[in-house]
């Protein structure tokens, strides 16, 4: 591996994208052999997967693999690339549940198929067509992630070590997603509840479990997995908390989402729970008027942003992100990891927490 982490990560990112393109081309041909009317499905998923994306989950898997002393080959790259298909499933279904119109600056999958229905003047109800298509495309991405992992070419021993972590990751992701939608039904907010959602909905399946998957493709001892968790859990939470800040204060031209989208959707994040714990009664009244309103305009977004700023909730969340990142950076120096692994984990910690999209 190159001694320069940035160079190594860029190389692996390219290799992952190449394997994804090969896999998607093959599976798209199979879909189209069933019916040419399935071409919008394969086209939409291919575009969704290949047009953008940071490939963080495969990169964390790679970091876990390197930290455990692994030597890269094509089957390992293919297995890591399968995580992008799981990510696609999560994003497509998440956008549907949140009612998000955009993803990465383009229409979300349910809105894309709704537009196809309108443009082609199809019979029936366009929003229902879009909703149904998004459920099925998310399911297909999940099936394809299994297929890509199963056909990656891992040894029997590697696969036996990897698959329990892969299963656990998928269960944890579903658990976090359900806790997230359930939180929206509660009459109060709670920082601890929101932190648990941040851990399970995003943190574990973005950082900790990919690290474990990578290490499981080596013959790493149990202490390696413990050390990776000491790094991955705080970093995963910091990653999601950064996401929460971007959902309120992010630049739409960079995030690909409308300004204040999380406020419009009424997401009860750690940031909102911290705000609610600190706001005055007059601020609470303003928040009730604007928070979670689908027609929230720029003025309403600005009013809510001002409350979050003035209560000190934004500053506290930034401090929390810094504290969690520092924990991860300390854990990254573990003597259990290879020297290349130490450097890779530090580089990825900075990428995950200092991003603007």
Protein backbone atom coordinates (compact mmCIF):
# COMPACT_ATOMS: atom_id res chain seq x y z
CA UNK A 1 0.00 0.00 0.00
CA UNK A 2 1.16 3.55 -0.64
CA UNK A 3 2.50 5.27 2.45
CA UNK A 4 0.29 8.22 1.52
CA UNK A 5 -3.26 7.54 2.81
CA UNK A 6 -4.92 9.99 0.40
CA UNK A 7 -3.36 8.24 -2.61
CA UNK A 8 -4.34 4.81 -1.33
CA UNK A 9 -7.93 5.88 -0.61
CA UNK A 10 -8.27 7.46 -4.06
CA UNK A 11 -6.99 4.27 -5.68
CA UNK A 12 -9.41 2.08 -3.73
CA UNK A 13 -12.31 4.44 -4.46
CA UNK A 14 -11.61 4.07 -8.19
CA UNK A 15 -11.34 0.28 -7.88
CA UNK A 16 -14.67 0.13 -6.02
CA UNK A 17 -16.37 2.24 -8.71
CA UNK A 18 -14.95 0.00 -11.43
CA UNK A 19 -16.31 -3.13 -9.74
CA UNK A 20 -19.70 -1.46 -9.21
CA UNK A 21 -19.87 -0.51 -12.90
CA UNK A 22 -19.07 -4.08 -13.98
CA UNK A 23 -21.65 -5.55 -11.60
CA UNK A 24 -24.38 -3.05 -12.52
CA UNK A 25 -23.78 -3.55 -16.24
CA UNK A 26 -24.18 -7.33 -15.86
CA UNK A 27 -27.29 -7.14 -13.64
CA UNK A 28 -28.89 -4.45 -15.81
CA UNK A 29 -28.53 -6.69 -18.87
CA UNK A 30 -30.30 -9.47 -16.95
CA UNK A 31 -33.16 -7.15 -15.94
CA UNK A 32 -33.57 -5.91 -19.51
CA UNK A 33 -33.65 -9.51 -20.77
CA UNK A 34 -36.76 -9.99 -18.62
CA UNK A 35 -38.44 -6.91 -20.10
CA UNK A 36 -37.32 -3.70 -21.76
CA UNK A 37 -39.84 -1.95 -19.49
CA UNK A 38 -37.38 -2.60 -16.65
CA UNK A 39 -34.77 -0.36 -18.26
CA UNK A 40 -35.87 2.70 -16.19
CA UNK A 41 -35.17 0.60 -13.08
CA UNK A 42 -31.64 -0.39 -14.09
CA UNK A 43 -30.92 3.09 -15.47
CA UNK A 44 -32.09 4.81 -12.28
CA UNK A 45 -30.10 2.54 -9.96
CA UNK A 46 -26.98 2.74 -12.12
CA UNK A 47 -27.15 6.53 -12.21
CA UNK A 48 -27.87 6.70 -8.48
CA UNK A 49 -24.85 4.56 -7.67
CA UNK A 50 -22.28 5.76 -10.18
CA UNK A 51 -22.94 9.48 -10.65
CA UNK A 52 -21.81 10.50 -7.17
CA UNK A 53 -21.04 9.30 -3.68
CA UNK A 54 -18.07 9.47 -1.31
CA UNK A 55 -17.74 5.63 -1.02
CA UNK A 56 -17.12 6.06 2.72
CA UNK A 57 -18.34 2.61 3.71
CA UNK A 58 -16.03 0.69 1.35
CA UNK A 59 -13.20 3.01 2.40
CA UNK A 60 -13.79 2.26 6.08
CA UNK A 61 -13.89 -1.44 5.21
CA UNK A 62 -10.56 -0.97 3.47
CA UNK A 63 -9.16 0.82 6.52
CA UNK A 64 -10.23 -2.06 8.77
CA UNK A 65 -8.64 -4.49 6.32
CA UNK A 66 -5.35 -2.57 6.20
CA UNK A 67 -5.32 -2.01 9.98
CA UNK A 68 -5.62 -5.78 10.42
CA UNK A 69 -2.71 -6.42 8.04
CA UNK A 70 -4.65 -7.45 4.92
CA UNK A 71 -3.22 -7.48 1.39
CA UNK A 72 -5.69 -6.23 -1.23
CA UNK A 73 -7.04 -8.35 -4.08
CA UNK A 74 -10.07 -8.15 -6.40
CA UNK A 75 -12.43 -10.34 -4.32
CA UNK A 76 -11.86 -8.06 -1.33
CA UNK A 77 -12.59 -4.95 -3.44
CA UNK A 78 -15.81 -6.54 -4.75
CA UNK A 79 -16.91 -7.46 -1.24
CA UNK A 80 -16.27 -3.90 -0.03
CA UNK A 81 -18.11 -2.44 -3.04
CA UNK A 82 -21.25 -4.38 -2.01
CA UNK A 83 -21.60 -1.88 0.84
CA UNK A 84 -22.47 0.82 -1.70
CA UNK A 85 -25.54 -1.17 -2.74
CA UNK A 86 -26.65 -1.45 0.88
CA UNK A 87 -26.14 2.30 1.18
CA UNK A 88 -28.30 2.84 -1.94
CA UNK A 89 -31.11 0.82 -0.35
CA UNK A 90 -30.89 2.89 2.84
CA UNK A 91 -30.87 6.24 1.01
CA UNK A 92 -33.74 5.39 -1.37
CA UNK A 93 -35.97 4.22 1.47
CA UNK A 94 -34.86 7.07 3.74
CA UNK A 95 -35.81 9.68 1.13
CA UNK A 96 -39.19 8.01 0.73
CA UNK A 97 -39.86 7.94 4.49
CA UNK A 98 -38.73 11.55 4.89
CA UNK A 99 -40.62 12.79 1.82
CA UNK A 100 -37.36 14.27 0.46
CA UNK A 101 -37.59 15.73 -3.03
CA UNK A 102 -33.87 15.67 -3.80
CA UNK A 103 -30.74 13.62 -3.24
CA UNK A 104 -27.29 14.87 -4.29
CA UNK A 105 -28.88 17.75 -6.19
CA UNK A 106 -31.14 15.48 -8.29
CA UNK A 107 -34.71 14.24 -7.81
CA UNK A 108 -34.93 11.45 -5.23
CA UNK A 109 -35.91 8.06 -6.67
CA UNK A 110 -39.62 8.29 -5.76
CA UNK A 111 -39.80 11.78 -7.31
CA UNK A 112 -37.92 10.56 -10.41
CA UNK A 113 -40.46 7.81 -11.07
CA UNK A 114 -43.32 10.15 -10.26
CA UNK A 115 -41.97 12.42 -13.02
CA UNK A 116 -41.75 9.49 -15.46
CA UNK A 117 -45.42 8.75 -14.76
CA UNK A 118 -46.38 12.36 -15.50
CA UNK A 119 -44.15 12.73 -18.58
CA UNK A 120 -45.35 9.48 -20.15
CA UNK A 121 -48.99 10.29 -19.29
CA UNK A 122 -49.48 6.90 -17.66
CA UNK A 123 -52.75 5.84 -16.07
CA UNK A 124 -53.18 5.93 -12.31
CA UNK A 125 -51.79 8.11 -9.52
CA UNK A 126 -48.27 9.43 -10.16
CA UNK A 127 -47.18 9.76 -6.46
CA UNK A 128 -48.25 6.17 -5.76
CA UNK A 129 -46.27 4.97 -8.78
CA UNK A 130 -43.19 6.82 -7.51
CA UNK A 131 -43.62 5.47 -3.97
CA UNK A 132 -44.04 1.88 -5.16
CA UNK A 133 -41.06 2.12 -7.51
CA UNK A 134 -38.82 3.47 -4.73
CA UNK A 135 -39.76 0.64 -2.37
CA UNK A 136 -38.92 -1.91 -5.06
CA UNK A 137 -35.68 -0.22 -6.16
CA UNK A 138 -34.51 -0.03 -2.56
CA UNK A 139 -35.31 -3.72 -2.16
CA UNK A 140 -33.46 -4.52 -5.38
CA UNK A 141 -30.38 -2.62 -4.17
CA UNK A 142 -30.47 -4.70 -0.97
CA UNK A 143 -30.73 -7.95 -2.95
CA UNK A 144 -27.92 -6.83 -5.24
CA UNK A 145 -25.70 -6.06 -2.24
CA UNK A 146 -26.14 -9.69 -1.17
CA UNK A 147 -25.42 -10.91 -4.68
CA UNK A 148 -22.29 -8.82 -5.01
CA UNK A 149 -20.96 -10.02 -1.66
CA UNK A 150 -21.88 -13.66 -2.38
CA UNK A 151 -20.21 -13.61 -5.81
CA UNK A 152 -17.15 -11.55 -4.80
CA UNK A 153 -14.88 -14.59 -4.75
CA UNK A 154 -13.95 -14.51 -1.05
CA UNK A 155 -12.55 -17.74 0.36
CA UNK A 156 -14.92 -19.95 2.37
CA UNK A 157 -13.12 -18.88 5.54
CA UNK A 158 -13.35 -15.17 4.70
CA UNK A 159 -17.04 -15.38 3.86
CA UNK A 160 -17.81 -17.29 7.08
CA UNK A 161 -16.12 -14.53 9.10
CA UNK A 162 -17.67 -11.64 7.15
CA UNK A 163 -21.30 -12.67 6.88
CA UNK A 164 -22.26 -12.47 10.60
CA UNK A 165 -21.06 -8.84 10.67
CA UNK A 166 -22.91 -8.11 7.44
CA UNK A 167 -26.14 -9.55 8.88
CA UNK A 168 -25.74 -7.64 12.13
CA UNK A 169 -25.12 -4.41 10.25
CA UNK A 170 -28.34 -4.77 8.26
CA UNK A 171 -30.41 -5.47 11.38
CA UNK A 172 -28.86 -2.48 13.18
CA UNK A 173 -29.61 -0.24 10.20
CA UNK A 174 -33.28 -1.26 10.19
CA UNK A 175 -33.46 -0.80 13.97
CA UNK A 176 -32.04 2.70 13.70
CA UNK A 177 -34.40 3.63 10.88
CA UNK A 178 -37.43 2.44 12.86
CA UNK A 179 -36.29 4.27 16.00
CA UNK A 180 -35.94 7.37 13.81
CA UNK A 181 -39.49 7.26 12.47
CA UNK A 182 -40.81 6.35 15.93
CA UNK A 183 -39.04 9.36 17.44
CA UNK A 184 -41.10 11.64 15.19
CA UNK A 185 -44.24 10.38 16.98
CA UNK A 186 -43.07 11.31 20.49
CA UNK A 187 -44.45 14.30 22.34
CA UNK A 188 -41.03 15.23 23.75
CA UNK A 189 -37.44 15.21 22.51
CA UNK A 190 -34.58 13.56 24.35
CA UNK A 191 -30.83 13.87 23.67
CA UNK A 192 -30.06 10.29 24.74
CA UNK A 193 -32.77 8.83 22.50
CA UNK A 194 -31.57 10.91 19.56
CA UNK A 195 -27.95 9.87 20.19
CA UNK A 196 -28.98 6.20 20.07
CA UNK A 197 -30.70 6.83 16.73
CA UNK A 198 -27.57 8.58 15.43
CA UNK A 199 -25.52 5.55 16.47
CA UNK A 200 -27.74 2.90 14.89
CA UNK A 201 -29.26 4.71 11.92
CA UNK A 202 -25.95 5.89 10.56
CA UNK A 203 -22.91 5.63 12.81
CA UNK A 204 -22.56 1.88 13.13
CA UNK A 205 -23.31 1.02 9.51
CA UNK A 206 -21.18 3.86 8.16
CA UNK A 207 -18.06 3.31 10.26
CA UNK A 208 -17.93 0.51 12.85
CA UNK A 209 -19.44 -2.38 10.89
CA UNK A 210 -17.58 -1.66 7.63
CA UNK A 211 -14.36 -1.63 9.68
CA UNK A 212 -15.33 -5.01 11.12
CA UNK A 213 -16.16 -6.38 7.66
CA UNK A 214 -12.74 -5.34 6.41
CA UNK A 215 -10.93 -6.89 9.36
CA UNK A 216 -13.02 -10.07 9.03
CA UNK A 217 -11.51 -10.58 5.56
CA UNK A 218 -8.21 -11.18 7.38
CA UNK A 219 -7.51 -13.59 10.23
CA UNK A 220 -7.44 -10.74 12.76
CA UNK A 221 -7.80 -11.63 16.47
CA UNK A 222 -10.68 -10.45 18.65
CA UNK A 223 -8.62 -7.58 20.09
CA UNK A 224 -8.47 -5.98 16.62
CA UNK A 225 -12.27 -5.81 16.45
CA UNK A 226 -12.44 -4.32 19.95
CA UNK A 227 -9.89 -1.67 18.98
CA UNK A 228 -11.79 -0.90 15.77
CA UNK A 229 -15.00 -0.40 17.78
CA UNK A 230 -13.19 1.99 20.14
CA UNK A 231 -12.41 4.07 17.04
CA UNK A 232 -15.55 3.43 14.99
CA UNK A 233 -18.34 4.06 17.50
CA UNK A 234 -17.42 7.62 18.51
CA UNK A 235 -16.45 8.48 14.94
CA UNK A 236 -19.74 7.08 13.59
CA UNK A 237 -21.68 9.25 16.02
CA UNK A 238 -19.59 12.30 15.12
CA UNK A 239 -20.27 11.57 11.43
CA UNK A 240 -24.05 11.55 11.98
CA UNK A 241 -23.95 14.67 14.17
CA UNK A 242 -22.07 16.46 11.37
CA UNK A 243 -24.85 15.30 9.06
CA UNK A 244 -27.43 16.78 11.44
CA UNK A 245 -25.67 20.14 11.34
CA UNK A 246 -25.46 20.08 7.56
CA UNK A 247 -29.19 19.27 7.39
CA UNK A 248 -29.88 22.62 9.08
CA UNK A 249 -26.96 24.88 8.16
CA UNK A 250 -25.50 23.24 5.04
CA UNK A 251 -25.04 25.03 1.72
CA UNK A 252 -27.60 23.58 -0.75
CA UNK A 253 -25.14 23.94 -3.64
CA UNK A 254 -22.80 21.59 -1.77
CA UNK A 255 -25.18 19.26 0.10
CA UNK A 256 -27.57 18.76 -2.84
CA UNK A 257 -30.51 19.32 -0.47
CA UNK A 258 -32.66 22.44 0.05
CA UNK A 259 -31.58 24.79 2.84
CA UNK A 260 -32.92 23.71 6.23
CA UNK A 261 -34.39 20.50 4.83
CA UNK A 262 -34.23 18.71 8.20
CA UNK A 263 -36.25 21.57 9.73
CA UNK A 264 -38.88 21.24 7.02
CA UNK A 265 -39.07 17.49 7.59
CA UNK A 266 -39.25 17.94 11.37
CA UNK A 267 -36.30 15.62 12.09
CA UNK A 268 -35.82 15.20 15.84
CA UNK A 269 -32.05 15.07 15.80
CA UNK A 270 -29.62 15.55 18.68
CA UNK A 271 -29.32 19.18 17.57
CA UNK A 272 -33.06 19.72 17.92
CA UNK A 273 -33.19 17.91 21.26
CA UNK A 274 -30.38 20.14 22.57
CA UNK A 275 -32.22 23.21 21.29
CA UNK A 276 -35.48 22.18 22.92
CA UNK A 277 -33.71 21.69 26.26
CA UNK A 278 -32.46 25.29 26.15
CA UNK A 279 -35.05 27.44 24.41
CA UNK A 280 -37.26 30.00 26.13
CA UNK A 281 -41.05 29.85 26.01
CA UNK A 282 -41.17 32.57 23.34
CA UNK A 283 -38.63 30.66 21.25
CA UNK A 284 -40.67 27.49 21.78
CA UNK A 285 -43.72 29.25 20.33
CA UNK A 286 -41.75 30.30 17.24
CA UNK A 287 -40.43 26.75 16.85
CA UNK A 288 -43.94 25.29 17.06
CA UNK A 289 -45.04 27.64 14.29
CA UNK A 290 -42.28 26.65 11.88
CA UNK A 291 -40.68 23.29 12.75
CA UNK A 292 -41.85 20.35 10.65
CA UNK A 293 -43.92 22.46 8.23
CA UNK A 294 -43.62 21.14 4.68
CA UNK A 295 -44.13 24.64 3.27
CA UNK A 296 -41.42 26.19 5.47
CA UNK A 297 -39.91 29.14 3.59
CA UNK A 298 -36.49 30.80 3.84
CA UNK A 299 -37.73 33.22 6.50
CA UNK A 300 -38.98 30.34 8.67
CA UNK A 301 -35.71 28.46 8.20
CA UNK A 302 -33.78 31.57 9.26
CA UNK A 303 -35.96 31.97 12.37
CA UNK A 304 -35.29 28.39 13.47
CA UNK A 305 -31.58 28.68 12.69
CA UNK A 306 -31.39 31.78 14.87
CA UNK A 307 -33.00 29.92 17.81
CA UNK A 308 -30.56 27.01 17.43
CA UNK A 309 -27.63 29.43 17.35
CA UNK A 310 -28.77 31.65 20.22
CA UNK A 311 -29.53 28.77 22.60
CA UNK A 312 -25.97 27.54 22.17
CA UNK A 313 -27.14 24.19 20.80
CA UNK A 314 -25.09 24.51 17.60
CA UNK A 315 -21.92 25.31 19.56
CA UNK A 316 -22.56 22.42 21.93
CA UNK A 317 -23.05 19.99 19.07
CA UNK A 318 -19.82 21.20 17.45
CA UNK A 319 -18.05 20.61 20.78
CA UNK A 320 -19.59 17.12 20.98
CA UNK A 321 -18.39 16.32 17.46
CA UNK A 322 -14.89 17.49 18.39
CA UNK A 323 -14.88 15.42 21.59
CA UNK A 324 -16.05 12.26 19.80
CA UNK A 325 -13.55 12.82 16.97
CA UNK A 326 -10.73 13.21 19.49
CA UNK A 327 -11.75 9.89 21.08
CA UNK A 328 -11.59 8.24 17.66
CA UNK A 329 -8.23 9.82 16.79
CA UNK A 330 -6.77 8.54 20.07
CA UNK A 331 -8.14 5.05 19.38
CA UNK A 332 -6.70 5.19 15.84
CA UNK A 333 -3.20 5.13 17.33
CA UNK A 334 -3.69 1.66 18.83
CA UNK A 335 -0.61 -0.55 18.65
CA UNK A 336 -2.93 -3.37 17.57
CA UNK A 337 -3.16 -1.78 14.09
CA UNK A 338 -0.52 -1.71 11.38
CA UNK A 339 1.28 1.61 10.83
CA UNK A 340 -0.51 2.02 7.49
CA UNK A 341 -3.77 1.32 9.30
CA UNK A 342 -3.05 4.03 11.90
CA UNK A 343 -2.51 6.60 9.15
CA UNK A 344 -5.57 5.47 7.18
CA UNK A 345 -7.87 5.69 10.20
CA UNK A 346 -6.68 9.21 11.01
CA UNK A 347 -7.22 10.35 7.42
CA UNK A 348 -10.75 8.92 7.32
CA UNK A 349 -11.65 10.50 10.67
CA UNK A 350 -10.87 13.90 9.19
CA UNK A 351 -12.81 13.17 5.99
CA UNK A 352 -15.88 11.99 7.92
CA UNK A 353 -16.12 14.88 10.36
CA UNK A 354 -14.80 17.90 8.48
CA UNK A 355 -16.98 17.48 5.40
CA UNK A 356 -19.43 20.03 3.95
CA UNK A 357 -21.74 17.55 2.20
